[in-house]
Every structure is written in C-alpha cells, then in structure tokens.
Amino acid sequence: MTHATLFIQCIVDGMYPEVGEAMVKLFQRLDITMDYPENQTCCGQPSFNSGYRKEAAKAAKHYIETFEDAETIVCPSGSCVSMVRHHYPELFENEPAWKNRAIDVGKRTFELTEYLIDVLKIENTDAYYDGTITYHDSCHLKRYLGVAAQPRALINQVKGATFVEMKDSDTCCGFGGAFSTKYPDISTAMVKEKVKNILDSGADAVVGCDMGCLMNIKGYLNRHNLNVRVMHIAQLLAGQKAGAV
C-alpha cells in the first residue's frame, strides 16, 4: 500500500483549501493512503526570502521535527519543496547535526507532480476535462527542482483535454512572494505579459503547480474581466467525467 504524508503550504491552507481537498480526492482515487500532521506550519520561505534567517531556521527546525519520521512527504508547491530541499541545508551550515537532518528530510520531500511521475510512475489518473489547457512553469519548480516534463505528462493523461503550449511558459508571472508588493509596477507589467501569452494560446484554462503564481494570474484576469479558468494541477487531476467512478 502506497502511503504519503501531506505537507500543505500556507497559501493553500489559508486561502485555497479546495486545492488540498482536490489532492486528497486524487490520492484516494489512486489508492494512496495519507496522513496529515496537524502541527505543521510554514516552511519558513517568506522569512528566508526577506533575509530573516533566524526566524526561517526556527520554522525549518519545526518542519524537520514534524516530518522527519515520515517515509514520503508530498506538497502541492514547488517553491516550498525547493525551500526544504535546497535552502534548509544553507540555514544550518554551522549546525552539522541539523544540517544532516535537513538533508535527510529533504530527500523525502516531493512536489506533487514529481511524486506522481518520478516516484509512482503514474500513467493514468482517470482525470477528465472538456476544453483546452495551457501550462505555466513556476520559477522555483522548474529552475530549482527541474520539474517541467512531469506536469505536462500528467496534463496529457487528462481525457477530453487538448494541451497547447503558451509562449514563454517559463517566464516569471511577477508574483515572487514579497517581490509583488515591493515592486508592484514591475510585477504588474510581468503578469500582464504572462496573461497575454495565455490568451494568445487560445486555451480556456491555465494550469500551474504553485498557488502563488496562480493567485497572481487569476487576480489580473479577474480585474480585467478576462474569461480564462485558473486551476492548480491537483484540481485538474481530481476532475472526472460525470458518472465516472
């Protein structure tokens, strides 16, 4: 029996719980048993990105203590997995014991699509979507984790869907966490260009693997009354044709 421990990042937990629910629905369909440590908190990425290393290390230690007994940890966010896998060891450069624990837990922490394709070798999620889909590559997911083919492989498994690539799919959407609040004009120009590429693709839905990016894109679409559906890949994969079991 395949088992996974869920790490649900802050933005999903606090603002988009439907993404976490979709992930659970998908795992249930794939016969993956789950547990969810209720004492989990932020991975520390906002503090780390803002230069607050002491506070980030405190959050990192809590993550390690919470998840280090888990066999496999799965998260619907490339940026959070990147934080755990790549930046935790940096935080503990002068604390060898914690650094080793960080490296160990990082090896068992996976982004959702990475887990489904690279670990489980899933070839059929039994997902269905009637429409045309394009995909946005989020920065940390592609550049730090090297995950780009995996979500596309899963999208191409979706029955009824047509997949089209947008221009510059791996160009930043302008969110970047605190970047979008510190440099709003630059951020807006970037998301404007991203949305143009989405519209030019002709897709009726844009899919991504990080809710920060998708929130930024959806915000621009809504403010300009543009009718394109925005979905986390967990939501896409959780969908089934009416009447499907």
Protein backbone atom coordinates (compact mmCIF):
# COMPACT_ATOMS: atom_id res chain seq x y z
CA MET A 1 0.00 0.00 0.00
CA THR A 2 1.41 3.38 -1.04
CA HIS A 3 1.41 5.97 1.72
CA ALA A 4 2.17 9.69 1.74
CA THR A 5 2.37 12.36 4.42
CA LEU A 6 0.83 15.62 3.24
CA PHE A 7 2.60 18.95 3.60
CA ILE A 8 0.06 21.63 2.67
CA GLN A 9 1.65 25.04 2.32
CA CYS A 10 0.29 28.22 3.90
CA ILE A 11 -1.43 29.77 0.90
CA VAL A 12 -3.42 26.60 0.25
CA ASP A 13 -4.21 26.03 3.91
CA GLY A 14 -5.31 29.62 4.50
CA MET A 15 -6.76 30.75 1.18
CA TYR A 16 -7.28 27.87 -1.24
CA PRO A 17 -8.27 24.79 0.82
CA GLU A 18 -10.03 23.39 -2.26
CA VAL A 19 -6.59 22.63 -3.71
CA GLY A 20 -5.72 20.47 -0.70
CA GLU A 21 -9.13 18.80 -0.93
CA ALA A 22 -8.50 18.05 -4.62
CA MET A 23 -5.16 16.49 -3.75
CA VAL A 24 -6.84 14.23 -1.19
CA LYS A 25 -9.53 13.26 -3.71
CA LEU A 26 -6.87 12.40 -6.29
CA PHE A 27 -4.83 10.33 -3.83
CA GLN A 28 -7.92 8.43 -2.75
CA ARG A 29 -8.65 7.56 -6.38
CA LEU A 30 -5.06 6.36 -6.81
CA ASP A 31 -5.29 4.25 -3.61
CA ILE A 32 -2.65 6.31 -1.82
CA THR A 33 -3.21 6.36 1.92
CA MET A 34 -2.42 9.63 3.68
CA ASP A 35 -1.77 11.28 6.97
CA TYR A 36 -1.63 14.97 7.82
CA PRO A 37 0.40 16.19 10.82
CA GLU A 38 -1.81 18.89 12.29
CA ASN A 39 1.08 20.69 13.97
CA GLN A 40 2.72 21.55 10.63
CA THR A 41 3.29 25.24 9.94
CA CYS A 42 5.05 27.45 7.39
CA CYS A 43 8.27 26.10 5.88
CA GLY A 44 9.94 29.45 6.58
CA GLN A 45 10.29 30.60 2.99
CA PRO A 46 8.80 34.12 3.47
CA SER A 47 11.26 34.81 6.29
CA PHE A 48 14.16 33.35 4.34
CA ASN A 49 13.41 35.38 1.22
CA SER A 50 13.17 38.56 3.31
CA GLY A 51 16.54 37.99 4.97
CA TYR A 52 15.28 36.81 8.37
CA ARG A 53 17.49 33.73 8.63
CA LYS A 54 17.00 33.23 12.39
CA GLU A 55 13.22 33.11 12.02
CA ALA A 56 13.49 30.89 8.92
CA ALA A 57 15.72 28.45 10.82
CA LYS A 58 13.16 28.24 13.63
CA ALA A 59 10.45 27.31 11.11
CA ALA A 60 12.82 24.85 9.43
CA LYS A 61 13.57 23.06 12.69
CA HIS A 62 9.85 22.72 13.34
CA TYR A 63 9.33 21.25 9.86
CA ILE A 64 12.15 18.77 10.36
CA GLU A 65 10.85 17.68 13.75
CA THR A 66 7.32 17.33 12.34
CA PHE A 67 8.17 15.35 9.23
CA GLU A 68 11.43 13.50 9.80
CA ASP A 69 9.67 10.24 10.72
CA ALA A 70 7.59 10.30 7.52
CA GLU A 71 8.56 7.92 4.74
CA THR A 72 7.42 10.25 1.94
CA ILE A 73 6.27 13.87 2.19
CA VAL A 74 4.26 15.37 -0.69
CA CYS A 75 3.48 19.05 -1.19
CA PRO A 76 1.43 20.86 -3.87
CA SER A 77 4.03 23.64 -4.16
CA GLY A 78 7.38 23.66 -5.91
CA SER A 79 8.58 26.74 -4.04
CA CYS A 80 8.03 25.16 -0.62
CA VAL A 81 9.70 21.91 -1.66
CA SER A 82 12.60 23.94 -3.04
CA MET A 83 12.91 25.71 0.30
CA VAL A 84 13.10 22.42 2.18
CA ARG A 85 15.39 20.64 -0.23
CA HIS A 86 17.82 23.41 -1.16
CA HIS A 87 17.74 26.14 1.47
CA TYR A 88 17.37 24.23 4.72
CA PRO A 89 20.95 22.91 4.49
CA GLU A 90 22.14 26.51 3.94
CA LEU A 91 20.43 27.62 7.12
CA PHE A 92 22.30 25.04 9.17
CA GLU A 93 25.75 25.40 7.65
CA ASN A 94 27.17 25.94 11.14
CA GLU A 95 25.00 23.30 12.82
CA PRO A 96 26.12 19.93 11.35
CA ALA A 97 23.55 17.81 13.19
CA TRP A 98 20.65 19.94 11.99
CA LYS A 99 22.13 20.14 8.50
CA ASN A 100 22.23 16.35 8.25
CA ARG A 101 18.66 16.09 9.47
CA ALA A 102 17.62 18.75 6.93
CA ILE A 103 19.31 16.92 4.05
CA ASP A 104 17.68 13.65 5.10
CA VAL A 105 14.14 15.03 5.27
CA GLY A 106 14.70 16.98 2.05
CA LYS A 107 15.40 13.76 0.17
CA ARG A 108 11.95 12.53 1.17
CA THR A 109 10.06 15.74 0.34
CA PHE A 110 8.47 15.84 -3.13
CA GLU A 111 6.37 18.23 -5.17
CA LEU A 112 3.05 16.67 -6.23
CA THR A 113 3.73 16.09 -9.95
CA GLU A 114 7.30 14.99 -9.25
CA TYR A 115 5.92 12.40 -6.83
CA LEU A 116 3.25 11.11 -9.21
CA ILE A 117 5.53 10.77 -12.24
CA ASP A 118 9.05 10.18 -10.89
CA VAL A 119 8.22 8.14 -7.80
CA LEU A 120 4.92 6.38 -8.54
CA LYS A 121 5.27 6.28 -12.35
CA ILE A 122 1.56 7.08 -12.74
CA GLU A 123 0.30 6.55 -16.29
CA ASN A 124 -3.42 7.15 -15.80
CA THR A 125 -5.07 9.43 -13.25
CA ASP A 126 -8.53 8.86 -14.76
CA ALA A 127 -8.93 12.65 -14.94
CA TYR A 128 -11.28 14.40 -17.37
CA TYR A 129 -11.55 17.96 -18.64
CA ASP A 130 -13.56 19.16 -21.62
CA GLY A 131 -11.52 22.03 -23.01
CA THR A 132 -8.13 23.42 -23.99
CA ILE A 133 -5.39 23.78 -21.40
CA THR A 134 -2.13 25.70 -21.29
CA TYR A 135 0.51 25.45 -18.59
CA HIS A 136 2.56 28.00 -16.62
CA ASP A 137 6.00 26.91 -15.36
CA SER A 138 6.62 28.42 -11.93
CA CYS A 139 10.17 29.59 -11.29
CA HIS A 140 11.26 27.52 -8.28
CA LEU A 141 9.60 24.38 -9.62
CA LYS A 142 11.44 24.44 -12.93
CA ARG A 143 14.73 26.12 -12.04
CA TYR A 144 15.44 24.66 -8.60
CA LEU A 145 13.68 21.29 -8.84
CA GLY A 146 13.97 20.70 -12.57
CA VAL A 147 10.29 19.80 -12.78
CA ALA A 148 8.78 20.67 -16.18
CA ALA A 149 8.09 17.45 -18.06
CA GLN A 150 6.18 15.88 -15.15
CA PRO A 151 3.17 18.23 -15.05
CA ARG A 152 2.94 18.12 -18.83
CA ALA A 153 2.91 14.33 -18.76
CA LEU A 154 0.02 14.43 -16.30
CA ILE A 155 -1.90 17.02 -18.32
CA ASN A 156 -1.53 14.85 -21.40
CA GLN A 157 -3.16 12.00 -19.47
CA VAL A 158 -6.34 14.04 -18.97
CA LYS A 159 -9.12 12.64 -21.12
CA GLY A 160 -11.10 15.13 -23.22
CA ALA A 161 -8.47 17.86 -22.90
CA THR A 162 -6.35 19.49 -25.58
CA PHE A 163 -2.98 20.78 -24.39
CA VAL A 164 -1.31 23.79 -26.01
CA GLU A 165 1.96 25.43 -25.03
CA MET A 166 1.93 29.16 -24.46
CA LYS A 167 4.78 31.45 -25.50
CA ASP A 168 7.44 31.86 -22.79
CA SER A 169 5.70 29.44 -20.44
CA ASP A 170 8.67 29.56 -18.05
CA THR A 171 8.87 33.36 -17.84
CA CYS A 172 8.04 34.63 -14.34
CA CYS A 173 4.46 35.75 -13.74
CA GLY A 174 5.65 38.59 -11.49
CA PHE A 175 4.45 37.23 -8.16
CA GLY A 176 7.67 36.23 -6.42
CA GLY A 177 6.14 36.49 -2.94
CA ALA A 178 7.29 39.77 -1.42
CA PHE A 179 8.53 40.93 -4.85
CA SER A 180 4.99 41.71 -5.99
CA THR A 181 4.41 44.01 -3.00
CA LYS A 182 7.83 45.66 -3.06
CA TYR A 183 7.82 46.25 -6.83
CA PRO A 184 4.14 46.39 -7.83
CA ASP A 185 4.65 48.22 -11.13
CA ILE A 186 7.22 45.70 -12.35
CA SER A 187 5.09 42.82 -11.08
CA THR A 188 2.01 44.14 -12.91
CA ALA A 189 3.94 44.50 -16.17
CA MET A 190 5.16 40.92 -15.85
CA VAL A 191 1.76 39.41 -15.15
CA LYS A 192 0.26 41.47 -17.98
CA GLU A 193 2.70 39.84 -20.40
CA LYS A 194 2.01 36.41 -18.91
CA VAL A 195 -1.74 36.85 -19.35
CA LYS A 196 -1.24 37.99 -22.95
CA ASN A 197 0.59 34.76 -23.66
CA ILE A 198 -2.18 32.76 -22.00
CA LEU A 199 -4.82 34.48 -24.11
CA ASP A 200 -2.78 34.12 -27.30
CA SER A 201 -2.57 30.36 -26.72
CA GLY A 202 -6.33 30.10 -27.20
CA ALA A 203 -6.72 27.99 -24.06
CA ASP A 204 -9.81 28.29 -21.90
CA ALA A 205 -7.86 27.23 -18.81
CA VAL A 206 -4.38 27.81 -17.43
CA VAL A 207 -2.91 25.23 -15.08
CA GLY A 208 0.04 25.54 -12.72
CA CYS A 209 1.62 23.83 -9.72
CA ASP A 210 2.03 26.80 -7.34
CA MET A 211 -0.88 28.79 -5.98
CA GLY A 212 1.20 31.96 -5.55
CA CYS A 213 1.64 32.20 -9.31
CA LEU A 214 -1.94 31.19 -9.99
CA MET A 215 -3.31 33.72 -7.50
CA ASN A 216 -1.38 36.48 -9.24
CA ILE A 217 -2.54 35.40 -12.69
CA LYS A 218 -6.13 34.95 -11.56
CA GLY A 219 -6.13 38.38 -9.92
CA TYR A 220 -5.13 40.06 -13.19
CA LEU A 221 -7.68 38.05 -15.18
CA ASN A 222 -10.47 38.96 -12.76
CA ARG A 223 -9.58 42.66 -12.64
CA HIS A 224 -9.74 42.82 -16.43
CA ASN A 225 -12.84 40.62 -16.81
CA LEU A 226 -11.00 38.02 -18.85
CA ASN A 227 -12.71 34.66 -19.00
CA VAL A 228 -9.96 32.10 -18.51
CA ARG A 229 -10.22 29.40 -15.88
CA VAL A 230 -7.28 29.09 -13.45
CA MET A 231 -6.59 25.72 -11.86
CA HIS A 232 -3.95 24.12 -9.72
CA ILE A 233 -2.93 20.84 -11.31
CA ALA A 234 -4.39 18.96 -8.33
CA GLN A 235 -7.80 20.40 -9.21
CA LEU A 236 -7.41 19.39 -12.84
CA LEU A 237 -6.38 15.85 -11.96
CA ALA A 238 -9.14 15.47 -9.38
CA GLY A 239 -11.81 16.15 -12.01
CA GLN A 240 -13.71 13.27 -13.53
CA LYS A 241 -16.37 12.96 -16.18
CA ALA A 242 -19.89 12.92 -14.80
CA GLY A 243 -20.82 9.39 -13.87
CA ALA A 244 -17.22 8.20 -13.58
CA VAL A 245 -16.34 6.09 -10.59
